[in-house]
Amino acid sequence: MTSYFNTKSPNIFQIIYSDKFKMYDFTILNNNKVIYHYHFKNLKDINKLIQQYK
């Protein structure tokens, strides 16, 4: 997974909250391509991941 984050173009982080499922949909895009997608229950986990790959 880390090789996807070592790109020259900046990564775009997208977070969408679902009231229905009580979860966050977290996506990282690079050059309009999804390079990471996962669902989280809290923002703390997402923030840790963003700081790691920012």
N, C-alpha and C. Protein backbone atom coordinates (compact mmCIF):
# COMPACT_ATOMS: atom_id res chain seq x y z
N MET A 1 0.81 -1.19 0.00
CA MET A 1 0.00 0.00 0.00
C MET A 1 0.86 1.26 0.00
N THR A 2 1.97 1.27 0.64
CA THR A 2 2.76 2.49 0.75
C THR A 2 3.29 2.97 -0.59
N SER A 3 3.50 2.08 -1.54
CA SER A 3 4.01 2.51 -2.84
C SER A 3 3.02 3.41 -3.57
N TYR A 4 1.74 3.25 -3.31
CA TYR A 4 0.74 4.11 -3.94
C TYR A 4 0.83 5.55 -3.43
N PHE A 5 1.32 5.72 -2.22
CA PHE A 5 1.36 7.04 -1.62
C PHE A 5 2.65 7.79 -1.98
N ASN A 6 3.61 7.13 -2.56
CA ASN A 6 4.86 7.76 -2.94
C ASN A 6 4.77 8.26 -4.38
N THR A 7 3.87 9.18 -4.62
CA THR A 7 3.67 9.72 -5.95
C THR A 7 4.06 11.18 -5.97
N LYS A 8 4.27 11.71 -7.15
CA LYS A 8 4.67 13.11 -7.28
C LYS A 8 3.48 14.06 -7.22
N SER A 9 2.31 13.60 -7.57
CA SER A 9 1.11 14.43 -7.51
C SER A 9 0.55 14.41 -6.09
N PRO A 10 -0.06 15.52 -5.68
CA PRO A 10 -0.62 15.54 -4.32
C PRO A 10 -1.83 14.61 -4.18
N ASN A 11 -1.95 14.03 -3.01
CA ASN A 11 -3.10 13.17 -2.73
C ASN A 11 -4.28 14.03 -2.30
N ILE A 12 -5.48 13.59 -2.64
CA ILE A 12 -6.71 14.26 -2.24
C ILE A 12 -7.44 13.31 -1.29
N PHE A 13 -7.80 13.84 -0.12
CA PHE A 13 -8.48 13.05 0.89
C PHE A 13 -9.96 13.43 0.88
N GLN A 14 -10.82 12.42 0.82
CA GLN A 14 -12.26 12.66 0.79
C GLN A 14 -12.91 11.85 1.91
N ILE A 15 -13.72 12.54 2.74
CA ILE A 15 -14.40 11.88 3.85
C ILE A 15 -15.89 12.19 3.74
N ILE A 16 -16.70 11.15 3.73
CA ILE A 16 -18.15 11.29 3.66
C ILE A 16 -18.76 10.48 4.80
N TYR A 17 -19.66 11.11 5.55
CA TYR A 17 -20.30 10.42 6.67
C TYR A 17 -21.67 9.88 6.25
N SER A 18 -21.94 8.64 6.65
CA SER A 18 -23.23 8.02 6.37
C SER A 18 -24.04 7.93 7.66
N ASP A 19 -25.14 8.68 7.73
CA ASP A 19 -26.02 8.61 8.89
C ASP A 19 -26.66 7.23 9.03
N LYS A 20 -26.94 6.64 7.91
CA LYS A 20 -27.60 5.33 7.91
C LYS A 20 -26.74 4.26 8.57
N PHE A 21 -25.44 4.24 8.23
CA PHE A 21 -24.55 3.20 8.74
C PHE A 21 -23.68 3.67 9.91
N LYS A 22 -23.74 4.98 10.21
CA LYS A 22 -22.93 5.56 11.29
C LYS A 22 -21.45 5.30 11.08
N MET A 23 -21.02 5.48 9.82
CA MET A 23 -19.62 5.26 9.47
C MET A 23 -19.14 6.34 8.53
N TYR A 24 -17.81 6.48 8.48
CA TYR A 24 -17.17 7.40 7.55
C TYR A 24 -16.62 6.63 6.37
N ASP A 25 -16.88 7.14 5.20
CA ASP A 25 -16.35 6.58 3.97
C ASP A 25 -15.11 7.41 3.63
N PHE A 26 -13.94 6.81 3.71
CA PHE A 26 -12.68 7.52 3.52
C PHE A 26 -12.02 7.06 2.22
N THR A 27 -11.68 8.03 1.37
CA THR A 27 -11.06 7.73 0.09
C THR A 27 -9.86 8.64 -0.13
N ILE A 28 -8.78 8.07 -0.68
CA ILE A 28 -7.63 8.87 -1.09
C ILE A 28 -7.53 8.76 -2.60
N LEU A 29 -7.47 9.91 -3.25
CA LEU A 29 -7.39 9.97 -4.71
C LEU A 29 -6.05 10.59 -5.12
N ASN A 30 -5.54 10.14 -6.24
CA ASN A 30 -4.35 10.72 -6.83
C ASN A 30 -4.54 10.70 -8.34
N ASN A 31 -4.48 11.87 -8.95
CA ASN A 31 -4.75 12.00 -10.39
C ASN A 31 -6.11 11.43 -10.75
N ASN A 32 -7.10 11.72 -9.92
CA ASN A 32 -8.49 11.28 -10.11
C ASN A 32 -8.65 9.76 -10.12
N LYS A 33 -7.71 9.05 -9.53
CA LYS A 33 -7.81 7.59 -9.39
C LYS A 33 -7.85 7.25 -7.92
N VAL A 34 -8.71 6.34 -7.57
CA VAL A 34 -8.81 5.89 -6.18
C VAL A 34 -7.61 5.01 -5.88
N ILE A 35 -6.83 5.41 -4.86
CA ILE A 35 -5.68 4.59 -4.48
C ILE A 35 -5.88 3.94 -3.12
N TYR A 36 -6.90 4.41 -2.37
CA TYR A 36 -7.21 3.81 -1.08
C TYR A 36 -8.66 4.12 -0.75
N HIS A 37 -9.37 3.12 -0.25
CA HIS A 37 -10.77 3.32 0.14
C HIS A 37 -11.09 2.38 1.29
N TYR A 38 -11.67 2.96 2.35
CA TYR A 38 -12.00 2.13 3.51
C TYR A 38 -13.09 2.82 4.31
N HIS A 39 -13.72 2.09 5.22
CA HIS A 39 -14.76 2.63 6.09
C HIS A 39 -14.28 2.61 7.53
N PHE A 40 -14.52 3.72 8.23
CA PHE A 40 -14.09 3.86 9.61
C PHE A 40 -15.28 4.28 10.47
N LYS A 41 -15.20 3.93 11.77
CA LYS A 41 -16.25 4.32 12.69
C LYS A 41 -15.95 5.65 13.38
N ASN A 42 -14.69 6.07 13.40
CA ASN A 42 -14.37 7.33 14.05
C ASN A 42 -13.32 8.12 13.26
N LEU A 43 -13.28 9.39 13.51
CA LEU A 43 -12.37 10.28 12.78
C LEU A 43 -10.92 10.17 13.25
N LYS A 44 -10.70 9.70 14.46
CA LYS A 44 -9.34 9.58 14.97
C LYS A 44 -8.50 8.65 14.11
N ASP A 45 -9.08 7.53 13.70
CA ASP A 45 -8.35 6.59 12.85
C ASP A 45 -8.05 7.20 11.48
N ILE A 46 -8.98 7.96 10.96
CA ILE A 46 -8.78 8.62 9.67
C ILE A 46 -7.67 9.66 9.79
N ASN A 47 -7.67 10.45 10.85
CA ASN A 47 -6.65 11.47 11.04
C ASN A 47 -5.25 10.86 11.16
N LYS A 48 -5.14 9.73 11.83
CA LYS A 48 -3.85 9.05 11.94
C LYS A 48 -3.34 8.65 10.56
N LEU A 49 -4.22 8.12 9.74
CA LEU A 49 -3.85 7.69 8.40
C LEU A 49 -3.46 8.88 7.52
N ILE A 50 -4.19 9.96 7.62
CA ILE A 50 -3.88 11.16 6.84
C ILE A 50 -2.51 11.71 7.23
N GLN A 51 -2.23 11.78 8.51
CA GLN A 51 -0.93 12.30 8.95
C GLN A 51 0.22 11.41 8.49
N GLN A 52 -0.01 10.14 8.42
CA GLN A 52 1.02 9.21 7.98
C GLN A 52 1.36 9.38 6.51
N TYR A 53 0.37 9.68 5.69
CA TYR A 53 0.57 9.74 4.24
C TYR A 53 0.39 11.12 3.64
N LYS A 54 0.44 12.14 4.46
CA LYS A 54 0.25 13.50 3.98
C LYS A 54 1.44 13.99 3.21
